[in-house]
Amino acid sequence: MGRWQEVHGSPLGGPGSSLWDLSLFLGVSFPRSPEPPEVSEILKSVPAGGRVTLSCRIAGHFPGELSVTWLQKRSAGSVPVTLQDSAEHSIDPGTAVLAPDGKSFQQETRLSLPQHGLGAKYICRVGHVCLGTPVERSSDCRPRCPRPPQVGRLSQLQLLVPGQAVTLRCLVSGFYPGQLEVTWLRKGAGEREPRPVDGSDTHSIRTPAPSLAPDGESYSVESELRFTPSGPEDDGVEYQCRVAHETQQQPSSRSTGPLPLRAQPQVSQIQVLSDEDAAEEALFAIDLENFYPQHITRIQWCLDGKPWERCEPSEISPNPDGTFMARSIWKVPSRSLTGPGLRVRVCVQHGPRDSPLERELRLGDAGLSAPTT
């Protein structure tokens, strides 16, 4: 009994034991009634290599010997033809292995074929000693119907920022056959018709080869357009992803819609200026840099929380990248600066819908500890 436990991990009559286990251990056969196989439906898969694999699982039979035959039926009225293992049709009949319960056998058979063979019906025929008629399972690998592409929305983009790289993505899916053409187009503000975008120093296009879906019934591909907006010529630009496929009379497309070019100003800290010709006035200034478009909606100066006049920016000038820079100068009577604790604040709002940008200066921090006269 100890030897039996050493081999099987449990005594006779315990979990996992069986007459089959005992016959293997003692090298003798015990009479057992044959059991027919249970044959699954045929499963189809298309791995990355592109060949189609049909598989059929056989289980629950005893004894383990059985016959497996794969057949091909090209049309409804034709006679099935037995397939032989070849370069075109690779057949793996499978090997019978003992099931975990030790009372029956199981195996899996596979047929590998090229995609152009999907126009036929394939049959897996299984024969066994206890079957009067072999069991058959069939797979209708009919030709896939042409399918038009589904063009998804372009990656969400609200606006463009000068000098900030942009990547637009266009997902095309569900089409068959796998050949299609993806074209990116650009339509500038004021232009009537969009123009194709070619790979250049300003635009980069990447469209990989379409990939087959796991079910082997359709293809998908994601195309990318990369560019960096630089100036006014990109304000209001619109990009389109246009897809042409043999199933379409007219190409389908998706558009970003007009994309505004916007860059919030970089606002400096409040500066105190000196002016010998304006001794009775104190001058405060801020610099606005790298903003687009040129117009500034509001610049509001406040003294100790009380709004004073609104100012227009002065000295507006363009930058090489198409953005702008400007300065706002505020003059206030020196007699209004009553103490070092007084605070000067400025509020800058670029566009009507933009959040205001604020800067504040305490007079004592600027060295203005007493009224300037």
Protein backbone atom coordinates (compact mmCIF):
# COMPACT_ATOMS: atom_id res chain seq x y z
CA MET A 1 0.00 0.00 0.00
CA GLY A 2 2.87 2.36 0.71
CA ARG A 3 4.21 1.93 -2.85
CA TRP A 4 0.75 2.81 -4.28
CA GLN A 5 0.62 5.97 -2.20
CA GLU A 6 4.11 6.93 -3.33
CA VAL A 7 3.11 6.70 -7.01
CA HIS A 8 -0.43 8.09 -6.91
CA GLY A 9 -0.53 10.16 -3.73
CA SER A 10 -3.72 8.43 -2.45
CA PRO A 11 -4.64 4.89 -1.30
CA LEU A 12 -6.92 2.55 -3.20
CA GLY A 13 -10.45 3.76 -2.95
CA GLY A 14 -9.32 7.32 -2.20
CA PRO A 15 -9.83 10.41 -4.35
CA GLY A 16 -8.54 10.01 -7.91
CA SER A 17 -8.21 6.22 -7.80
CA SER A 18 -9.85 3.98 -10.41
CA LEU A 19 -9.59 0.59 -12.01
CA TRP A 20 -7.76 2.26 -14.84
CA ASP A 21 -5.16 3.59 -12.43
CA LEU A 22 -4.74 0.11 -10.98
CA SER A 23 -4.35 -1.45 -14.41
CA LEU A 24 -1.60 1.03 -15.23
CA PHE A 25 0.15 0.31 -11.91
CA LEU A 26 -0.06 -3.49 -12.15
CA GLY A 27 0.37 -3.70 -15.93
CA VAL A 28 -2.86 -5.71 -16.39
CA SER A 29 -6.16 -4.90 -18.11
CA PHE A 30 -9.56 -4.81 -16.53
CA PRO A 31 -12.64 -5.23 -18.72
CA ARG A 32 -14.35 -1.89 -19.38
CA SER A 33 -17.28 -1.04 -21.60
CA PRO A 34 -16.46 1.25 -24.54
CA GLU A 35 -17.64 4.84 -24.35
CA PRO A 36 -18.34 6.95 -27.48
CA PRO A 37 -16.54 10.25 -27.98
CA GLU A 38 -18.16 13.63 -27.53
CA VAL A 39 -17.16 15.85 -30.45
CA SER A 40 -17.33 19.63 -30.10
CA GLU A 41 -18.37 22.07 -32.78
CA ILE A 42 -15.57 23.32 -35.01
CA LEU A 43 -13.88 26.50 -33.78
CA LYS A 44 -12.28 28.95 -36.20
CA SER A 45 -9.44 31.33 -35.42
CA VAL A 46 -7.12 33.53 -37.47
CA PRO A 47 -3.79 34.10 -35.71
CA ALA A 48 -1.34 36.86 -36.59
CA GLY A 49 0.27 34.70 -39.28
CA GLY A 50 -2.84 34.99 -41.41
CA ARG A 51 -3.66 31.26 -41.86
CA VAL A 52 -7.03 30.01 -40.69
CA THR A 53 -7.10 27.30 -38.02
CA LEU A 54 -10.09 25.00 -37.55
CA SER A 55 -10.08 22.92 -34.37
CA CYS A 56 -12.30 20.20 -32.96
CA ARG A 57 -12.11 18.81 -29.43
CA ILE A 58 -12.85 15.13 -28.80
CA ALA A 59 -13.37 13.83 -25.25
CA GLY A 60 -14.95 11.16 -23.04
CA HIS A 61 -14.14 8.10 -25.18
CA PHE A 62 -12.79 4.68 -24.23
CA PRO A 63 -10.67 3.04 -25.50
CA GLY A 64 -8.41 5.82 -26.75
CA GLU A 65 -8.01 4.69 -30.35
CA LEU A 66 -10.12 6.58 -32.87
CA SER A 67 -9.90 7.85 -36.44
CA VAL A 68 -9.95 11.51 -37.47
CA THR A 69 -10.58 12.63 -41.05
CA TRP A 70 -10.87 16.14 -42.42
CA LEU A 71 -12.93 16.66 -45.56
CA GLN A 72 -13.59 19.61 -47.85
CA LYS A 73 -16.87 20.32 -49.66
CA ARG A 74 -16.43 23.07 -52.22
CA SER A 75 -20.09 23.67 -53.09
CA ALA A 76 -23.59 22.63 -52.00
CA GLY A 77 -23.95 19.87 -54.61
CA SER A 78 -20.40 18.56 -54.55
CA VAL A 79 -19.11 15.40 -52.85
CA PRO A 80 -16.82 15.95 -49.85
CA VAL A 81 -13.17 15.24 -50.64
CA THR A 82 -10.83 13.76 -48.07
CA LEU A 83 -7.93 16.12 -47.32
CA GLN A 84 -4.37 14.94 -47.00
CA ASP A 85 -1.70 16.63 -44.89
CA SER A 86 0.09 19.07 -47.20
CA ALA A 87 1.61 22.54 -47.37
CA GLU A 88 -1.80 23.99 -48.21
CA HIS A 89 -3.84 21.93 -45.75
CA SER A 90 -1.86 21.12 -42.62
CA ILE A 91 -3.59 18.43 -40.56
CA ASP A 92 -2.82 17.60 -36.95
CA PRO A 93 -5.05 14.65 -35.91
CA GLY A 94 -4.06 15.10 -32.28
CA THR A 95 -2.91 12.55 -29.72
CA ALA A 96 -5.17 10.72 -27.27
CA VAL A 97 -4.29 11.53 -23.67
CA LEU A 98 -5.80 10.21 -20.49
CA ALA A 99 -8.42 12.52 -19.00
CA PRO A 100 -7.89 13.82 -15.45
CA ASP A 101 -10.50 11.36 -14.11
CA GLY A 102 -8.43 8.43 -15.44
CA LYS A 103 -11.52 6.86 -16.99
CA SER A 104 -11.54 8.20 -20.54
CA PHE A 105 -9.42 9.85 -23.22
CA GLN A 106 -9.39 13.24 -24.91
CA GLN A 107 -7.63 14.85 -27.83
CA GLU A 108 -7.84 17.90 -30.09
CA THR A 109 -7.46 17.88 -33.85
CA ARG A 110 -6.60 20.90 -36.03
CA LEU A 111 -6.73 21.84 -39.67
CA SER A 112 -4.72 24.83 -40.92
CA LEU A 113 -5.52 26.37 -44.30
CA PRO A 114 -4.87 29.60 -46.23
CA GLN A 115 -7.45 32.37 -46.26
CA HIS A 116 -8.37 31.76 -49.88
CA GLY A 117 -9.75 28.39 -48.79
CA LEU A 118 -12.55 30.03 -46.81
CA GLY A 119 -15.01 29.56 -49.66
CA ALA A 120 -15.64 25.90 -48.83
CA LYS A 121 -17.27 23.82 -46.11
CA TYR A 122 -14.94 21.72 -43.93
CA ILE A 123 -15.95 18.55 -42.12
CA CYS A 124 -14.30 16.83 -39.17
CA ARG A 125 -15.24 13.13 -39.16
CA VAL A 126 -14.52 11.04 -36.05
CA GLY A 127 -14.75 7.23 -35.99
CA HIS A 128 -14.61 5.03 -32.89
CA VAL A 129 -15.05 1.36 -32.04
CA CYS A 130 -18.37 1.95 -30.31
CA LEU A 131 -19.82 4.14 -33.09
CA GLY A 132 -21.82 2.54 -35.84
CA THR A 133 -21.65 5.75 -37.91
CA PRO A 134 -18.83 8.26 -37.56
CA VAL A 135 -19.66 11.58 -35.91
CA GLU A 136 -19.31 14.63 -38.13
CA ARG A 137 -19.00 18.32 -37.37
CA SER A 138 -18.90 20.93 -40.12
CA SER A 139 -17.79 24.52 -40.44
CA ASP A 140 -19.29 26.78 -43.08
CA CYS A 141 -16.24 28.82 -44.11
CA ARG A 142 -18.19 30.79 -46.67
CA PRO A 143 -16.56 33.67 -48.49
CA ARG A 144 -16.71 36.80 -46.41
CA CYS A 145 -19.09 39.40 -47.76
CA PRO A 146 -17.57 42.76 -48.67
CA ARG A 147 -18.11 45.25 -45.87
CA PRO A 148 -17.81 49.04 -46.06
CA PRO A 149 -15.49 50.77 -43.61
CA GLN A 150 -16.73 52.48 -40.47
CA VAL A 151 -14.84 55.74 -39.93
CA GLY A 152 -14.71 56.76 -36.26
CA ARG A 153 -14.56 60.28 -34.96
CA LEU A 154 -11.22 61.98 -35.08
CA SER A 155 -9.41 62.35 -31.78
CA GLN A 156 -10.97 65.19 -29.81
CA LEU A 157 -9.25 68.54 -30.21
CA GLN A 158 -10.71 71.87 -29.08
CA LEU A 159 -8.05 74.31 -30.25
CA LEU A 160 -4.52 74.69 -31.53
CA VAL A 161 -1.63 76.26 -29.65
CA PRO A 162 1.30 77.77 -31.56
CA GLY A 163 4.41 75.63 -31.25
CA GLN A 164 2.58 72.73 -29.56
CA ALA A 165 2.66 69.46 -31.53
CA VAL A 166 -0.67 67.87 -32.41
CA THR A 167 -1.53 64.24 -33.29
CA LEU A 168 -4.85 63.49 -35.00
CA ARG A 169 -6.00 59.85 -35.15
CA CYS A 170 -8.56 58.32 -37.50
CA LEU A 171 -9.80 54.79 -36.71
CA VAL A 172 -11.26 52.83 -39.65
CA SER A 173 -12.78 49.43 -38.86
CA GLY A 174 -15.14 46.68 -39.97
CA PHE A 175 -14.16 46.62 -43.67
CA TYR A 176 -13.51 43.74 -46.06
CA PRO A 177 -11.51 43.14 -48.15
CA GLY A 178 -8.48 44.66 -46.46
CA GLN A 179 -7.39 47.10 -49.19
CA LEU A 180 -8.40 50.72 -48.72
CA GLU A 181 -7.01 54.22 -49.16
CA VAL A 182 -6.72 56.80 -46.37
CA THR A 183 -6.09 60.43 -47.33
CA TRP A 184 -5.65 63.41 -45.01
CA LEU A 185 -6.81 66.81 -46.24
CA ARG A 186 -6.35 70.38 -44.98
CA LYS A 187 -8.71 73.30 -45.48
CA GLY A 188 -7.48 76.70 -44.39
CA ALA A 189 -9.81 79.43 -43.17
CA GLY A 190 -11.36 81.10 -46.21
CA GLU A 191 -10.49 78.25 -48.59
CA ARG A 192 -13.31 76.63 -50.54
CA GLU A 193 -11.96 73.14 -50.99
CA PRO A 194 -9.61 71.03 -48.85
CA ARG A 195 -6.23 70.04 -50.27
CA PRO A 196 -4.47 66.69 -49.72
CA VAL A 197 -1.75 66.74 -47.08
CA ASP A 198 1.54 65.23 -48.15
CA GLY A 199 4.27 64.10 -45.82
CA SER A 200 6.56 67.11 -45.45
CA ASP A 201 8.52 69.14 -42.94
CA THR A 202 5.26 70.46 -41.47
CA HIS A 203 3.07 67.33 -41.61
CA SER A 204 3.82 63.67 -40.92
CA ILE A 205 1.40 60.86 -41.87
CA ARG A 206 1.52 57.28 -40.61
CA THR A 207 -0.94 54.68 -41.94
CA PRO A 208 0.10 51.06 -41.19
CA ALA A 209 -1.16 48.03 -43.06
CA PRO A 210 -4.71 47.01 -42.05
CA SER A 211 -4.88 44.22 -39.46
CA LEU A 212 -7.31 41.32 -39.49
CA ALA A 213 -9.88 41.19 -36.70
CA PRO A 214 -9.72 38.17 -34.32
CA ASP A 215 -12.81 36.62 -35.96
CA GLY A 216 -11.12 36.79 -39.36
CA GLU A 217 -14.15 38.54 -40.87
CA SER A 218 -12.98 42.15 -41.24
CA TYR A 219 -10.03 44.55 -41.06
CA SER A 220 -9.18 47.71 -39.16
CA VAL A 221 -6.50 50.40 -39.30
CA GLU A 222 -5.67 53.62 -37.45
CA SER A 223 -4.06 56.46 -39.38
CA GLU A 224 -2.17 59.32 -37.68
CA LEU A 225 -1.47 62.88 -38.79
CA ARG A 226 1.11 64.89 -36.86
CA PHE A 227 1.85 68.60 -37.25
CA THR A 228 2.83 71.67 -35.27
CA PRO A 229 0.73 74.83 -35.75
CA SER A 230 2.89 77.90 -36.07
CA GLY A 231 0.96 81.04 -36.85
CA PRO A 232 -2.07 82.84 -38.29
CA GLU A 233 -2.24 80.52 -41.30
CA ASP A 234 -3.31 77.75 -38.89
CA ASP A 235 -6.12 79.76 -37.27
CA GLY A 236 -9.46 78.19 -38.23
CA VAL A 237 -7.85 75.33 -40.15
CA GLU A 238 -9.86 72.14 -40.68
CA TYR A 239 -8.51 68.63 -41.20
CA GLN A 240 -10.34 65.71 -42.79
CA CYS A 241 -9.67 61.98 -42.86
CA ARG A 242 -11.01 60.60 -46.15
CA VAL A 243 -11.42 56.83 -46.70
CA ALA A 244 -11.98 55.10 -50.05
CA HIS A 245 -12.95 51.41 -50.32
CA GLU A 246 -14.22 49.21 -53.12
CA THR A 247 -17.61 48.86 -51.39
CA GLN A 248 -18.28 52.61 -51.59
CA GLN A 249 -19.55 54.69 -54.45
CA GLN A 250 -18.20 57.79 -52.72
CA PRO A 251 -15.43 58.05 -50.12
CA SER A 252 -16.45 58.62 -46.51
CA SER A 253 -14.74 61.16 -44.29
CA ARG A 254 -14.54 62.66 -40.84
CA SER A 255 -13.61 66.26 -40.04
CA THR A 256 -12.23 68.12 -37.06
CA GLY A 257 -14.27 71.17 -37.94
CA PRO A 258 -12.56 74.58 -37.84
CA LEU A 259 -9.87 74.65 -35.16
CA PRO A 260 -9.15 78.05 -33.58
CA LEU A 261 -5.56 78.97 -32.83
CA ARG A 262 -5.24 80.26 -29.28
CA ALA A 263 -2.39 81.05 -26.91
CA GLN A 264 -2.98 82.67 -23.54
CA PRO A 265 -0.58 85.50 -22.73
CA GLN A 266 2.26 84.93 -20.34
CA VAL A 267 1.82 87.80 -17.88
CA SER A 268 4.84 89.17 -16.05
CA GLN A 269 4.84 90.43 -12.48
CA ILE A 270 3.88 94.08 -11.95
CA GLN A 271 6.82 96.40 -12.47
CA VAL A 272 7.32 99.96 -11.13
CA LEU A 273 8.67 102.35 -13.76
CA SER A 274 10.45 105.63 -13.24
CA ASP A 275 9.66 108.71 -15.33
CA GLU A 276 11.38 112.02 -14.55
CA ASP A 277 8.91 113.86 -16.77
CA ALA A 278 5.94 112.59 -14.74
CA ALA A 279 7.00 113.26 -11.18
CA GLU A 280 3.43 113.55 -9.99
CA GLU A 281 2.51 110.14 -11.32
CA ALA A 282 3.51 106.59 -10.49
CA LEU A 283 3.88 104.21 -13.40
CA PHE A 284 3.12 100.50 -13.21
CA ALA A 285 3.54 98.03 -16.06
CA ILE A 286 3.13 94.39 -17.05
CA ASP A 287 4.48 92.54 -20.07
CA LEU A 288 2.26 90.18 -22.07
CA GLU A 289 4.14 87.61 -24.14
CA ASN A 290 3.47 84.83 -26.66
CA PHE A 291 -0.29 85.33 -27.07
CA TYR A 292 -2.57 84.79 -30.05
CA PRO A 293 -4.75 86.29 -31.46
CA GLN A 294 -3.61 89.87 -31.15
CA HIS A 295 -6.70 91.34 -29.51
CA ILE A 296 -6.84 91.55 -25.69
CA THR A 297 -10.41 91.78 -24.39
CA ARG A 298 -9.72 93.49 -21.05
CA ILE A 299 -6.92 94.88 -18.91
CA GLN A 300 -8.28 96.20 -15.61
CA TRP A 301 -6.06 97.92 -13.02
CA CYS A 302 -7.13 98.20 -9.38
CA LEU A 303 -5.76 100.09 -6.40
CA ASP A 304 -6.49 98.66 -2.98
CA GLY A 305 -9.36 96.63 -4.44
CA LYS A 306 -10.99 99.59 -6.21
CA PRO A 307 -11.17 99.36 -10.01
CA TRP A 308 -9.56 102.20 -11.91
CA GLU A 309 -9.45 102.67 -15.62
CA ARG A 310 -9.27 99.99 -18.24
CA CYS A 311 -6.15 100.18 -20.35
CA GLU A 312 -5.35 99.19 -23.88
CA PRO A 313 -2.04 97.40 -24.32
CA SER A 314 0.69 99.42 -25.95
CA GLU A 315 3.70 98.52 -28.01
CA ILE A 316 2.09 95.40 -29.54
CA SER A 317 4.56 93.60 -31.79
CA PRO A 318 4.68 90.18 -33.48
CA ASN A 319 7.04 87.35 -32.60
CA PRO A 320 8.80 85.22 -35.23
CA ASP A 321 6.42 82.30 -34.51
CA GLY A 322 3.32 84.41 -35.26
CA THR A 323 2.36 85.13 -31.66
CA PHE A 324 2.38 88.62 -30.14
CA MET A 325 3.86 90.49 -27.21
CA ALA A 326 2.73 93.76 -25.65
CA ARG A 327 3.06 95.97 -22.61
CA SER A 328 0.38 97.64 -20.49
CA ILE A 329 1.35 100.80 -18.57
CA TRP A 330 -0.87 102.31 -15.89
CA LYS A 331 -0.38 105.80 -14.55
CA VAL A 332 -1.80 106.76 -11.17
CA PRO A 333 -1.42 110.05 -9.22
CA SER A 334 1.35 109.72 -6.67
CA ARG A 335 -0.86 111.24 -3.99
CA SER A 336 -3.12 108.16 -4.25
CA LEU A 337 -0.34 105.94 -2.91
CA THR A 338 -1.07 106.46 0.77
CA GLY A 339 1.02 103.75 2.40
CA PRO A 340 3.24 100.68 2.01
CA GLY A 341 0.35 98.32 2.67
CA LEU A 342 -1.49 99.51 -0.40
CA ARG A 343 -1.90 96.87 -3.14
CA VAL A 344 -1.93 97.28 -6.89
CA ARG A 345 -3.68 94.57 -8.88
CA VAL A 346 -4.14 93.99 -12.60
CA CYS A 347 -6.56 91.61 -14.33
CA VAL A 348 -5.90 90.46 -17.90
CA GLN A 349 -8.56 88.67 -19.94
CA HIS A 350 -7.44 87.55 -23.37
CA GLY A 351 -10.69 86.34 -24.93
CA PRO A 352 -14.30 86.83 -23.80
CA ARG A 353 -14.48 83.22 -22.62
CA ASP A 354 -10.99 83.00 -21.15
CA SER A 355 -10.37 82.97 -17.43
CA PRO A 356 -8.81 86.21 -16.17
CA LEU A 357 -5.12 86.22 -15.25
CA GLU A 358 -4.24 88.34 -12.18
CA ARG A 359 -1.07 89.85 -10.79
CA GLU A 360 -0.70 91.83 -7.52
CA LEU A 361 1.97 94.06 -6.01
CA ARG A 362 2.27 95.39 -2.47
CA LEU A 363 3.73 98.87 -2.52
CA GLY A 364 6.03 98.16 0.41
CA ASP A 365 7.55 95.25 -1.53
CA ALA A 366 8.31 97.64 -4.40
CA GLY A 367 10.04 100.17 -2.12
CA LEU A 368 7.15 102.64 -2.23
CA SER A 369 6.72 103.12 1.50
CA ALA A 370 5.43 106.69 1.39
CA PRO A 371 3.47 108.85 -1.01
CA THR A 372 5.50 109.89 -3.97
CA THR A 373 5.56 113.65 -4.59
